[in-house]
Protein backbone atom coordinates (compact mmCIF):
# COMPACT_ATOMS: atom_id res chain seq x y z
CA MET A 1 40.18 -138.05 -44.53
CA ASN A 2 37.42 -139.82 -46.47
CA LYS A 3 35.07 -137.10 -45.52
CA LYS A 4 37.43 -134.44 -46.79
CA ILE A 5 37.77 -136.21 -50.14
CA ILE A 6 33.91 -136.72 -50.45
CA SER A 7 33.41 -133.05 -49.56
CA LEU A 8 35.95 -131.90 -52.28
CA LEU A 9 34.47 -134.20 -54.88
CA ALA A 10 30.95 -132.97 -53.97
CA THR A 11 32.01 -129.35 -54.17
CA GLY A 12 33.89 -130.06 -57.59
CA ALA A 13 30.66 -131.69 -58.81
CA VAL A 14 28.61 -128.69 -58.00
CA VAL A 15 31.09 -126.33 -59.55
CA ALA A 16 31.25 -128.41 -62.73
CA THR A 17 27.48 -128.67 -62.91
CA ALA A 18 27.17 -124.88 -62.54
CA ALA A 19 29.83 -124.15 -65.08
CA GLY A 20 28.52 -126.74 -67.48
CA SER A 21 24.93 -125.41 -67.50
CA PHE A 22 25.28 -123.54 -70.74
CA ALA A 23 26.92 -125.02 -73.74
CA ALA A 24 29.20 -123.02 -75.96
CA TRP A 25 26.58 -122.97 -78.81
CA ASP A 26 23.74 -121.69 -76.60
CA THR A 27 22.57 -118.14 -77.44
CA LEU A 28 22.28 -116.34 -74.11
CA SER A 29 21.88 -112.74 -75.44
CA ASP A 30 20.58 -111.19 -78.57
CA SER A 31 19.25 -107.90 -79.90
CA THR A 32 16.94 -106.68 -82.61
CA SER A 33 16.12 -103.30 -83.98
CA ALA A 34 13.32 -101.59 -85.92
CA ASN A 35 12.75 -98.18 -87.40
CA ILE A 36 10.24 -95.97 -85.52
CA THR A 37 8.69 -92.92 -87.13
CA PHE A 38 7.55 -89.81 -85.34
CA GLY A 39 4.83 -87.82 -86.86
CA THR A 40 5.37 -83.99 -87.41
CA PRO A 41 4.58 -81.83 -84.51
CA ILE A 42 1.34 -80.06 -84.23
CA VAL A 43 1.92 -76.32 -84.25
CA ILE A 44 -0.81 -73.76 -83.32
CA SER A 45 -0.29 -70.24 -84.64
CA PRO A 46 -2.75 -67.57 -83.59
CA THR A 47 -2.89 -64.10 -85.13
CA LEU A 48 -4.99 -61.28 -83.92
CA ALA A 49 -5.96 -58.21 -86.01
CA GLY A 50 -7.32 -55.43 -83.89
CA GLY A 51 -10.21 -53.09 -84.75
CA GLN A 52 -11.83 -50.06 -83.59
CA ALA A 53 -15.15 -49.92 -81.59
CA ALA A 54 -18.12 -49.62 -83.95
CA GLN A 55 -19.89 -46.21 -83.69
CA THR A 56 -23.04 -46.75 -81.92
CA ALA A 57 -26.32 -44.89 -81.61
CA PRO A 58 -26.58 -42.47 -78.66
CA GLY A 59 -27.02 -44.35 -75.50
CA ALA A 60 -25.84 -47.72 -76.95
CA LEU A 61 -22.77 -49.51 -75.71
CA PRO A 62 -19.75 -49.55 -78.11
CA VAL A 63 -18.64 -52.90 -79.40
CA ALA A 64 -14.89 -53.46 -80.47
CA SER A 65 -14.16 -56.40 -82.55
CA ALA A 66 -11.02 -58.19 -83.72
CA ASP A 67 -10.33 -61.03 -86.03
CA LEU A 68 -8.60 -64.03 -84.70
CA ASP A 69 -7.09 -66.67 -87.05
CA ILE A 70 -5.67 -69.82 -85.65
CA ASN A 71 -3.80 -72.07 -88.13
CA THR A 72 -2.35 -75.46 -87.21
CA THR A 73 0.18 -77.64 -88.91
CA GLY A 74 0.44 -81.30 -88.56
CA THR A 75 -2.47 -83.73 -88.13
CA VAL A 76 -4.95 -82.53 -85.52
CA PRO A 77 -6.19 -85.59 -83.64
CA SER A 78 -9.89 -86.28 -83.63
CA GLY A 79 -11.56 -84.87 -80.51
CA SER A 80 -9.14 -81.95 -80.14
CA LYS A 81 -10.39 -78.58 -78.75
CA ILE A 82 -9.02 -75.14 -78.76
CA THR A 83 -9.52 -73.15 -75.60
CA PHE A 84 -8.97 -69.51 -75.03
CA VAL A 85 -7.74 -67.52 -72.15
CA THR A 86 -8.32 -63.87 -72.75
CA GLU A 87 -7.07 -60.64 -71.00
CA LEU A 88 -7.60 -56.98 -71.52
CA LYS A 89 -5.08 -54.39 -70.38
CA ASP A 90 -4.76 -50.74 -70.27
CA GLY A 91 -1.03 -50.40 -70.41
CA SER A 92 0.39 -52.74 -67.85
CA THR A 93 -2.96 -52.85 -65.74
CA THR A 94 -5.22 -55.76 -66.23
CA ILE A 95 -8.94 -54.70 -66.65
CA ASP A 96 -11.32 -56.46 -64.38
CA PRO A 97 -13.29 -58.95 -66.48
CA SER A 98 -16.47 -58.03 -64.58
CA LEU A 99 -16.32 -54.65 -66.51
CA TYR A 100 -16.89 -56.12 -69.95
CA ASP A 101 -18.42 -58.94 -71.96
CA LEU A 102 -16.10 -60.81 -74.31
CA VAL A 103 -17.53 -63.13 -76.91
CA ILE A 104 -15.58 -65.36 -79.49
CA THR A 105 -17.57 -66.55 -82.51
CA ASP A 106 -16.55 -69.15 -85.00
CA ASP A 107 -16.59 -67.65 -88.48
CA ASN A 108 -16.44 -71.18 -90.10
CA ASP A 109 -19.49 -72.43 -88.09
CA SER A 110 -22.33 -70.01 -88.65
CA ASN A 111 -20.89 -67.65 -86.03
CA SER A 112 -21.48 -70.10 -83.12
CA VAL A 113 -20.18 -68.87 -79.78
CA VAL A 114 -17.06 -70.69 -78.82
CA THR A 115 -15.75 -68.44 -75.96
CA SER A 116 -15.34 -71.46 -73.80
CA GLY A 117 -13.59 -73.50 -76.50
CA ASP A 118 -13.97 -74.71 -80.03
CA LEU A 119 -14.51 -78.47 -80.51
CA GLU A 120 -14.43 -78.34 -84.31
CA VAL A 121 -10.66 -77.81 -84.85
CA THR A 122 -9.36 -77.71 -88.39
CA ASN A 123 -6.07 -76.46 -89.85
CA ALA A 124 -7.61 -73.03 -90.50
CA ASN A 125 -9.84 -71.60 -87.78
CA ASN A 126 -11.21 -68.11 -87.95
CA TYR A 127 -12.98 -66.21 -85.27
CA THR A 128 -14.35 -62.84 -84.36
CA VAL A 129 -13.70 -61.50 -80.95
CA LYS A 130 -16.16 -58.87 -79.64
CA VAL A 131 -15.67 -56.86 -76.44
CA THR A 132 -18.57 -54.76 -75.03
CA PRO A 133 -17.97 -52.59 -71.92
CA LYS A 134 -20.65 -52.98 -69.21
CA ASP A 135 -23.06 -50.17 -68.64
CA ASN A 136 -21.53 -48.63 -65.46
CA SER A 137 -19.20 -45.88 -64.45
CA ALA A 138 -16.22 -48.21 -63.67
CA ALA A 139 -16.45 -49.65 -67.21
CA THR A 140 -16.71 -46.10 -68.63
CA THR A 141 -13.60 -45.11 -66.73
CA ALA A 142 -11.72 -48.30 -67.81
CA PHE A 143 -12.55 -48.05 -71.50
CA GLN A 144 -13.60 -44.58 -72.61
CA GLY A 145 -11.18 -42.90 -75.09
CA LYS A 146 -8.56 -45.62 -74.44
CA THR A 147 -6.62 -48.02 -76.69
CA ILE A 148 -6.91 -51.40 -74.94
CA ASP A 149 -4.62 -54.32 -75.44
CA LEU A 150 -6.43 -57.63 -76.14
CA LYS A 151 -4.37 -60.76 -75.29
CA ILE A 152 -5.64 -64.16 -76.22
CA THR A 153 -3.84 -67.41 -75.49
CA ALA A 154 -5.04 -70.28 -77.64
CA THR A 155 -4.35 -73.85 -76.39
CA LEU A 156 -4.84 -77.01 -78.44
CA GLY A 157 -5.78 -79.99 -76.31
CA LYS A 158 -8.28 -82.75 -75.72
């Protein structure tokens, strides 16, 4: 019987200790808050104005050019780059890139070639896109006397 009483007293002491570990005035949980501000989004807006191939001297290859303007809103992070993906189509048929040369130059930077991407991004970026068919019969078939659709996807990234 004494062992049972001692066991009950020991169990009661453990329960009392566990229950009494925190005083009523202890702060066991709290929260805080702060305002966080998100910047405005960066939006890239390309526009492309097509043109007609320039008349060339007999035997010279024609060159078609278009103006590409890419405006951005928001703060463009330092080290940003605009990359270009280009595609030429005759109707729904994509023209094989091996049949032409396509060069993009930066009008704001002494006409430097930026076909693979522009590292000097501002809020107003102006480019000239020039397309020259190759000098072969396949290119002649693909381009001669046709209105070609030039598609450029511009992507702002790092």
